Amino acid sequence: MTPSTKGASLQFRFQVYGIAVAGLGMGFLVSAAMSRTGGPFVYTLDDPYIHLAVAETILGGGYGVNAGEFASPS
């Protein structure tokens, strides 16, 4: 194994371990949140809900929080 190949292998291994640790951490946080709320995923702020509601309305052909009502949510 040449020194440049060894360095690339070490960098790749570090990236894989970093992604694995981040994924396990996120999985732990989501499972802890789900267990504390009894199953449903609850938003702690209004902003994520508003964003997803607008995205759902745009998907249905409208714009805004309420279907059939074209209004900017800002």
PDB file of N, CA and C in Angstrom:
ATOM      1  N   MET A   1       0.853  -1.165   0.000  1.00  0.00           N
ATOM      2  CA  MET A   1       0.000   0.000   0.000  1.00  0.00           C
ATOM      3  C   MET A   1       0.904   1.235   0.000  1.00  0.00           C
ATOM      4  N   THR A   2       0.675   2.125  -0.930  1.00  0.00           N
ATOM      5  CA  THR A   2       1.495   3.333  -1.018  1.00  0.00           C
ATOM      6  C   THR A   2       1.023   4.356   0.017  1.00  0.00           C
ATOM      7  N   PRO A   3       1.882   5.296   0.375  1.00  0.00           N
ATOM      8  CA  PRO A   3       1.462   6.300   1.375  1.00  0.00           C
ATOM      9  C   PRO A   3       0.219   7.091   0.966  1.00  0.00           C
ATOM     10  N   SER A   4       0.080   7.415  -0.328  1.00  0.00           N
ATOM     11  CA  SER A   4      -1.098   8.177  -0.750  1.00  0.00           C
ATOM     12  C   SER A   4      -2.364   7.329  -0.655  1.00  0.00           C
ATOM     13  N   THR A   5      -2.268   6.040  -0.951  1.00  0.00           N
ATOM     14  CA  THR A   5      -3.416   5.149  -0.835  1.00  0.00           C
ATOM     15  C   THR A   5      -3.797   4.957   0.624  1.00  0.00           C
ATOM     16  N   LYS A   6      -2.780   4.871   1.483  1.00  0.00           N
ATOM     17  CA  LYS A   6      -3.043   4.705   2.913  1.00  0.00           C
ATOM     18  C   LYS A   6      -3.764   5.935   3.481  1.00  0.00           C
ATOM     19  N   GLY A   7      -3.356   7.134   3.054  1.00  0.00           N
ATOM     20  CA  GLY A   7      -4.011   8.360   3.513  1.00  0.00           C
ATOM     21  C   GLY A   7      -5.446   8.453   3.031  1.00  0.00           C
ATOM     22  N   ALA A   8      -5.680   8.057   1.773  1.00  0.00           N
ATOM     23  CA  ALA A   8      -7.038   8.089   1.224  1.00  0.00           C
ATOM     24  C   ALA A   8      -7.924   7.077   1.937  1.00  0.00           C
ATOM     25  N   SER A   9      -7.360   5.912   2.256  1.00  0.00           N
ATOM     26  CA  SER A   9      -8.121   4.886   2.954  1.00  0.00           C
ATOM     27  C   SER A   9      -8.492   5.350   4.357  1.00  0.00           C
ATOM     28  N   LEU A  10      -7.545   6.001   5.029  1.00  0.00           N
ATOM     29  CA  LEU A  10      -7.809   6.505   6.371  1.00  0.00           C
ATOM     30  C   LEU A  10      -8.869   7.599   6.335  1.00  0.00           C
ATOM     31  N   GLN A  11      -8.814   8.466   5.347  1.00  0.00           N
ATOM     32  CA  GLN A  11      -9.806   9.537   5.216  1.00  0.00           C
ATOM     33  C   GLN A  11     -11.189   8.950   4.935  1.00  0.00           C
ATOM     34  N   PHE A  12     -11.256   7.949   4.064  1.00  0.00           N
ATOM     35  CA  PHE A  12     -12.536   7.309   3.753  1.00  0.00           C
ATOM     36  C   PHE A  12     -13.110   6.646   4.994  1.00  0.00           C
ATOM     37  N   ARG A  13     -12.278   5.940   5.743  1.00  0.00           N
ATOM     38  CA  ARG A  13     -12.729   5.257   6.953  1.00  0.00           C
ATOM     39  C   ARG A  13     -13.250   6.282   7.974  1.00  0.00           C
ATOM     40  N   PHE A  14     -12.553   7.409   8.108  1.00  0.00           N
ATOM     41  CA  PHE A  14     -12.979   8.467   9.024  1.00  0.00           C
ATOM     42  C   PHE A  14     -14.348   9.010   8.611  1.00  0.00           C
ATOM     43  N   GLN A  15     -14.565   9.203   7.308  1.00  0.00           N
ATOM     44  CA  GLN A  15     -15.856   9.712   6.828  1.00  0.00           C
ATOM     45  C   GLN A  15     -16.974   8.715   7.101  1.00  0.00           C
ATOM     46  N   VAL A  16     -16.697   7.431   6.870  1.00  0.00           N
ATOM     47  CA  VAL A  16     -17.716   6.406   7.108  1.00  0.00           C
ATOM     48  C   VAL A  16     -18.070   6.349   8.587  1.00  0.00           C
ATOM     49  N   TYR A  17     -17.080   6.384   9.453  1.00  0.00           N
ATOM     50  CA  TYR A  17     -17.348   6.366  10.893  1.00  0.00           C
ATOM     51  C   TYR A  17     -18.094   7.626  11.330  1.00  0.00           C
ATOM     52  N   GLY A  18     -17.743   8.761  10.778  1.00  0.00           N
ATOM     53  CA  GLY A  18     -18.427  10.000  11.118  1.00  0.00           C
ATOM     54  C   GLY A  18     -19.897   9.975  10.730  1.00  0.00           C
ATOM     55  N   ILE A  19     -20.176   9.465   9.537  1.00  0.00           N
ATOM     56  CA  ILE A  19     -21.562   9.358   9.084  1.00  0.00           C
ATOM     57  C   ILE A  19     -22.335   8.364   9.943  1.00  0.00           C
ATOM     58  N   ALA A  20     -21.682   7.261  10.309  1.00  0.00           N
ATOM     59  CA  ALA A  20     -22.337   6.250  11.145  1.00  0.00           C
ATOM     60  C   ALA A  20     -22.665   6.817  12.524  1.00  0.00           C
ATOM     61  N   VAL A  21     -21.727   7.545  13.122  1.00  0.00           N
ATOM     62  CA  VAL A  21     -21.966   8.134  14.450  1.00  0.00           C
ATOM     63  C   VAL A  21     -23.075   9.176  14.378  1.00  0.00           C
ATOM     64  N   ALA A  22     -23.069  10.011  13.340  1.00  0.00           N
ATOM     65  CA  ALA A  22     -24.122  11.017  13.182  1.00  0.00           C
ATOM     66  C   ALA A  22     -25.484  10.349  12.982  1.00  0.00           C
ATOM     67  N   GLY A  23     -25.528   9.302  12.177  1.00  0.00           N
ATOM     68  CA  GLY A  23     -26.785   8.585  11.947  1.00  0.00           C
ATOM     69  C   GLY A  23     -27.315   7.932  13.207  1.00  0.00           C
ATOM     70  N   LEU A  24     -26.422   7.327  13.981  1.00  0.00           N
ATOM     71  CA  LEU A  24     -26.852   6.709  15.236  1.00  0.00           C
ATOM     72  C   LEU A  24     -27.349   7.769  16.223  1.00  0.00           C
ATOM     73  N   GLY A  25     -26.670   8.910  16.261  1.00  0.00           N
ATOM     74  CA  GLY A  25     -27.098   9.992  17.149  1.00  0.00           C
ATOM     75  C   GLY A  25     -28.471  10.521  16.770  1.00  0.00           C
ATOM     76  N   MET A  26     -28.694  10.734  15.474  1.00  0.00           N
ATOM     77  CA  MET A  26     -30.005  11.212  15.018  1.00  0.00           C
ATOM     78  C   MET A  26     -31.084  10.171  15.283  1.00  0.00           C
ATOM     79  N   GLY A  27     -30.760   8.899  15.055  1.00  0.00           N
ATOM     80  CA  GLY A  27     -31.721   7.834  15.338  1.00  0.00           C
ATOM     81  C   GLY A  27     -32.108   7.798  16.804  1.00  0.00           C
ATOM     82  N   PHE A  28     -31.107   7.982  17.674  1.00  0.00           N
ATOM     83  CA  PHE A  28     -31.379   8.015  19.114  1.00  0.00           C
ATOM     84  C   PHE A  28     -32.282   9.188  19.470  1.00  0.00           C
ATOM     85  N   LEU A  29     -31.997  10.368  18.924  1.00  0.00           N
ATOM     86  CA  LEU A  29     -32.807  11.549  19.240  1.00  0.00           C
ATOM     87  C   LEU A  29     -34.249  11.399  18.755  1.00  0.00           C
ATOM     88  N   VAL A  30     -34.425  10.880  17.551  1.00  0.00           N
ATOM     89  CA  VAL A  30     -35.785  10.697  17.022  1.00  0.00           C
ATOM     90  C   VAL A  30     -36.540   9.657  17.836  1.00  0.00           C
ATOM     91  N   SER A  31     -35.872   8.546  18.180  1.00  0.00           N
ATOM     92  CA  SER A  31     -36.560   7.516  18.966  1.00  0.00           C
ATOM     93  C   SER A  31     -36.888   8.025  20.368  1.00  0.00           C
ATOM     94  N   ALA A  32     -36.016   8.843  20.959  1.00  0.00           N
ATOM     95  CA  ALA A  32     -36.307   9.416  22.275  1.00  0.00           C
ATOM     96  C   ALA A  32     -37.502  10.372  22.187  1.00  0.00           C
ATOM     97  N   ALA A  33     -37.558  11.187  21.139  1.00  0.00           N
ATOM     98  CA  ALA A  33     -38.685  12.106  20.967  1.00  0.00           C
ATOM     99  C   ALA A  33     -39.985  11.341  20.748  1.00  0.00           C
ATOM    100  N   MET A  34     -39.920  10.278  19.956  1.00  0.00           N
ATOM    101  CA  MET A  34     -41.125   9.490  19.676  1.00  0.00           C
ATOM    102  C   MET A  34     -41.613   8.768  20.934  1.00  0.00           C
ATOM    103  N   SER A  35     -40.695   8.275  21.759  1.00  0.00           N
ATOM    104  CA  SER A  35     -41.121   7.559  22.961  1.00  0.00           C
ATOM    105  C   SER A  35     -41.698   8.517  24.005  1.00  0.00           C
ATOM    106  N   ARG A  36     -41.194   9.737  24.065  1.00  0.00           N
ATOM    107  CA  ARG A  36     -41.704  10.704  25.049  1.00  0.00           C
ATOM    108  C   ARG A  36     -43.075  11.252  24.675  1.00  0.00           C
ATOM    109  N   THR A  37     -43.412  11.248  23.384  1.00  0.00           N
ATOM    110  CA  THR A  37     -44.720  11.767  22.970  1.00  0.00           C
ATOM    111  C   THR A  37     -45.738  10.658  22.779  1.00  0.00           C
ATOM    112  N   GLY A  38     -45.357   9.425  22.995  1.00  0.00           N
ATOM    113  CA  GLY A  38     -46.287   8.310  22.856  1.00  0.00           C
ATOM    114  C   GLY A  38     -46.486   7.871  21.421  1.00  0.00           C
ATOM    115  N   GLY A  39     -45.626   8.244  20.517  1.00  0.00           N
ATOM    116  CA  GLY A  39     -45.711   7.773  19.140  1.00  0.00           C
ATOM    117  C   GLY A  39     -45.760   8.850  18.087  1.00  0.00           C
ATOM    118  N   PRO A  40     -46.641   9.858  18.202  1.00  0.00           N
ATOM    119  CA  PRO A  40     -46.680  10.853  17.137  1.00  0.00           C
ATOM    120  C   PRO A  40     -45.488  11.804  17.206  1.00  0.00           C
ATOM    121  N   PHE A  41     -45.080  12.288  16.051  1.00  0.00           N
ATOM    122  CA  PHE A  41     -43.980  13.249  15.986  1.00  0.00           C
ATOM    123  C   PHE A  41     -44.565  14.634  16.175  1.00  0.00           C
ATOM    124  N   VAL A  42     -44.138  15.344  17.190  1.00  0.00           N
ATOM    125  CA  VAL A  42     -44.701  16.641  17.559  1.00  0.00           C
ATOM    126  C   VAL A  42     -43.688  17.733  17.239  1.00  0.00           C
ATOM    127  N   TYR A  43     -44.144  18.804  16.591  1.00  0.00           N
ATOM    128  CA  TYR A  43     -43.281  19.935  16.297  1.00  0.00           C
ATOM    129  C   TYR A  43     -43.235  20.860  17.505  1.00  0.00           C
ATOM    130  N   THR A  44     -42.044  21.314  17.863  1.00  0.00           N
ATOM    131  CA  THR A  44     -41.909  22.182  19.022  1.00  0.00           C
ATOM    132  C   THR A  44     -42.128  23.647  18.676  1.00  0.00           C
ATOM    133  N   LEU A  45     -42.133  23.974  17.409  1.00  0.00           N
ATOM    134  CA  LEU A  45     -42.323  25.351  16.960  1.00  0.00           C
ATOM    135  C   LEU A  45     -43.387  25.397  15.868  1.00  0.00           C
ATOM    136  N   ASP A  46     -43.933  26.562  15.623  1.00  0.00           N
ATOM    137  CA  ASP A  46     -44.907  26.731  14.549  1.00  0.00           C
ATOM    138  C   ASP A  46     -44.262  26.682  13.167  1.00  0.00           C
ATOM    139  N   ASP A  47     -43.038  27.154  13.059  1.00  0.00           N
ATOM    140  CA  ASP A  47     -42.401  27.300  11.752  1.00  0.00           C
ATOM    141  C   ASP A  47     -42.313  26.000  10.950  1.00  0.00           C
ATOM    142  N   PRO A  48     -41.901  24.870  11.537  1.00  0.00           N
ATOM    143  CA  PRO A  48     -41.874  23.639  10.730  1.00  0.00           C
ATOM    144  C   PRO A  48     -43.265  23.237  10.243  1.00  0.00           C
ATOM    145  N   TYR A  49     -44.287  23.413  11.090  1.00  0.00           N
ATOM    146  CA  TYR A  49     -45.644  23.079  10.679  1.00  0.00           C
ATOM    147  C   TYR A  49     -46.093  23.962   9.521  1.00  0.00           C
ATOM    148  N   ILE A  50     -45.856  25.257   9.634  1.00  0.00           N
ATOM    149  CA  ILE A  50     -46.266  26.182   8.578  1.00  0.00           C
ATOM    150  C   ILE A  50     -45.563  25.837   7.272  1.00  0.00           C
ATOM    151  N   HIS A  51     -44.270  25.545   7.337  1.00  0.00           N
ATOM    152  CA  HIS A  51     -43.511  25.192   6.145  1.00  0.00           C
ATOM    153  C   HIS A  51     -44.097  23.950   5.470  1.00  0.00           C
ATOM    154  N   LEU A  52     -44.383  22.921   6.260  1.00  0.00           N
ATOM    155  CA  LEU A  52     -44.930  21.691   5.687  1.00  0.00           C
ATOM    156  C   LEU A  52     -46.358  21.879   5.198  1.00  0.00           C
ATOM    157  N   ALA A  53     -47.149  22.705   5.878  1.00  0.00           N
ATOM    158  CA  ALA A  53     -48.516  22.973   5.430  1.00  0.00           C
ATOM    159  C   ALA A  53     -48.511  23.710   4.097  1.00  0.00           C
ATOM    160  N   VAL A  54     -47.608  24.682   3.940  1.00  0.00           N
ATOM    161  CA  VAL A  54     -47.500  25.406   2.667  1.00  0.00           C
ATOM    162  C   VAL A  54     -47.024  24.456   1.570  1.00  0.00           C
ATOM    163  N   ALA A  55     -46.053  23.605   1.877  1.00  0.00           N
ATOM    164  CA  ALA A  55     -45.565  22.645   0.881  1.00  0.00           C
ATOM    165  C   ALA A  55     -46.674  21.701   0.436  1.00  0.00           C
ATOM    166  N   GLU A  56     -47.494  21.261   1.371  1.00  0.00           N
ATOM    167  CA  GLU A  56     -48.609  20.375   1.028  1.00  0.00           C
ATOM    168  C   GLU A  56     -49.636  21.098   0.152  1.00  0.00           C
ATOM    169  N   THR A  57     -49.907  22.369   0.457  1.00  0.00           N
ATOM    170  CA  THR A  57     -50.861  23.151  -0.338  1.00  0.00           C
ATOM    171  C   THR A  57     -50.309  23.409  -1.731  1.00  0.00           C
ATOM    172  N   ILE A  58     -49.002  23.700  -1.831  1.00  0.00           N
ATOM    173  CA  ILE A  58     -48.380  23.903  -3.152  1.00  0.00           C
ATOM    174  C   ILE A  58     -48.473  22.624  -3.964  1.00  0.00           C
ATOM    175  N   LEU A  59     -48.270  21.484  -3.311  1.00  0.00           N
ATOM    176  CA  LEU A  59     -48.378  20.197  -4.005  1.00  0.00           C
ATOM    177  C   LEU A  59     -49.785  19.996  -4.564  1.00  0.00           C
ATOM    178  N   GLY A  60     -50.786  20.516  -3.859  1.00  0.00           N
ATOM    179  CA  GLY A  60     -52.165  20.403  -4.317  1.00  0.00           C
ATOM    180  C   GLY A  60     -52.579  21.478  -5.303  1.00  0.00           C
ATOM    181  N   GLY A  61     -51.673  22.402  -5.640  1.00  0.00           N
ATOM    182  CA  GLY A  61     -51.970  23.413  -6.639  1.00  0.00           C
ATOM    183  C   GLY A  61     -52.311  24.781  -6.094  1.00  0.00           C
ATOM    184  N   GLY A  62     -52.200  24.992  -4.813  1.00  0.00           N
ATOM    185  CA  GLY A  62     -52.514  26.288  -4.229  1.00  0.00           C
ATOM    186  C   GLY A  62     -51.274  26.942  -3.655  1.00  0.00           C
ATOM    187  N   TYR A  63     -51.487  27.973  -2.845  1.00  0.00           N
ATOM    188  CA  TYR A  63     -50.383  28.634  -2.155  1.00  0.00           C
ATOM    189  C   TYR A  63     -50.909  29.237  -0.868  1.00  0.00           C
ATOM    190  N   GLY A  64     -50.318  28.881   0.231  1.00  0.00           N
ATOM    191  CA  GLY A  64     -50.731  29.382   1.542  1.00  0.00           C
ATOM    192  C   GLY A  64     -50.945  28.225   2.489  1.00  0.00           C
ATOM    193  N   VAL A  65     -51.454  28.525   3.658  1.00  0.00           N
ATOM    194  CA  VAL A  65     -51.672  27.491   4.660  1.00  0.00           C
ATOM    195  C   VAL A  65     -53.023  26.809   4.450  1.00  0.00           C
ATOM    196  N   ASN A  66     -54.048  27.567   4.108  1.00  0.00           N
ATOM    197  CA  ASN A  66     -55.386  27.020   3.917  1.00  0.00           C
ATOM    198  C   ASN A  66     -55.630  26.726   2.443  1.00  0.00           C
ATOM    199  N   ALA A  67     -56.223  25.575   2.170  1.00  0.00           N
ATOM    200  CA  ALA A  67     -56.550  25.210   0.797  1.00  0.00           C
ATOM    201  C   ALA A  67     -57.593  26.167   0.236  1.00  0.00           C
ATOM    202  N   GLY A  68     -57.403  26.621  -0.978  1.00  0.00           N
ATOM    203  CA  GLY A  68     -58.346  27.530  -1.620  1.00  0.00           C
ATOM    204  C   GLY A  68     -58.150  28.996  -1.249  1.00  0.00           C
ATOM    205  N   GLU A  69     -57.231  29.275  -0.369  1.00  0.00           N
ATOM    206  CA  GLU A  69     -56.977  30.645   0.060  1.00  0.00           C
ATOM    207  C   GLU A  69     -55.523  30.994  -0.295  1.00  0.00           C
ATOM    208  N   PHE A  70     -55.347  31.853  -1.292  1.00  0.00           N
ATOM    209  CA  PHE A  70     -54.006  32.228  -1.732  1.00  0.00           C
ATOM    210  C   PHE A  70     -53.505  33.363  -0.852  1.00  0.00           C
ATOM    211  N   ALA A  71     -52.625  33.048   0.083  1.00  0.00           N
ATOM    212  CA  ALA A  71     -52.087  34.048   0.999  1.00  0.00           C
ATOM    213  C   ALA A  71     -50.678  33.645   1.397  1.00  0.00           C
ATOM    214  N   SER A  72     -49.806  34.622   1.462  1.00  0.00           N
ATOM    215  CA  SER A  72     -48.441  34.361   1.894  1.00  0.00           C
ATOM    216  C   SER A  72     -48.425  34.092   3.390  1.00  0.00           C
ATOM    217  N   PRO A  73     -47.751  33.047   3.822  1.00  0.00           N
ATOM    218  CA  PRO A  73     -47.757  32.718   5.237  1.00  0.00           C
ATOM    219  C   PRO A  73     -46.775  33.548   6.072  1.00  0.00           C
ATOM    220  N   SER A  74     -46.075  34.494   5.458  1.00  0.00           N
ATOM    221  CA  SER A  74     -45.055  35.229   6.229  1.00  0.00           C
ATOM    222  C   SER A  74     -45.621  36.299   7.073  1.00  0.00           C
TER     223      SER A  74
END
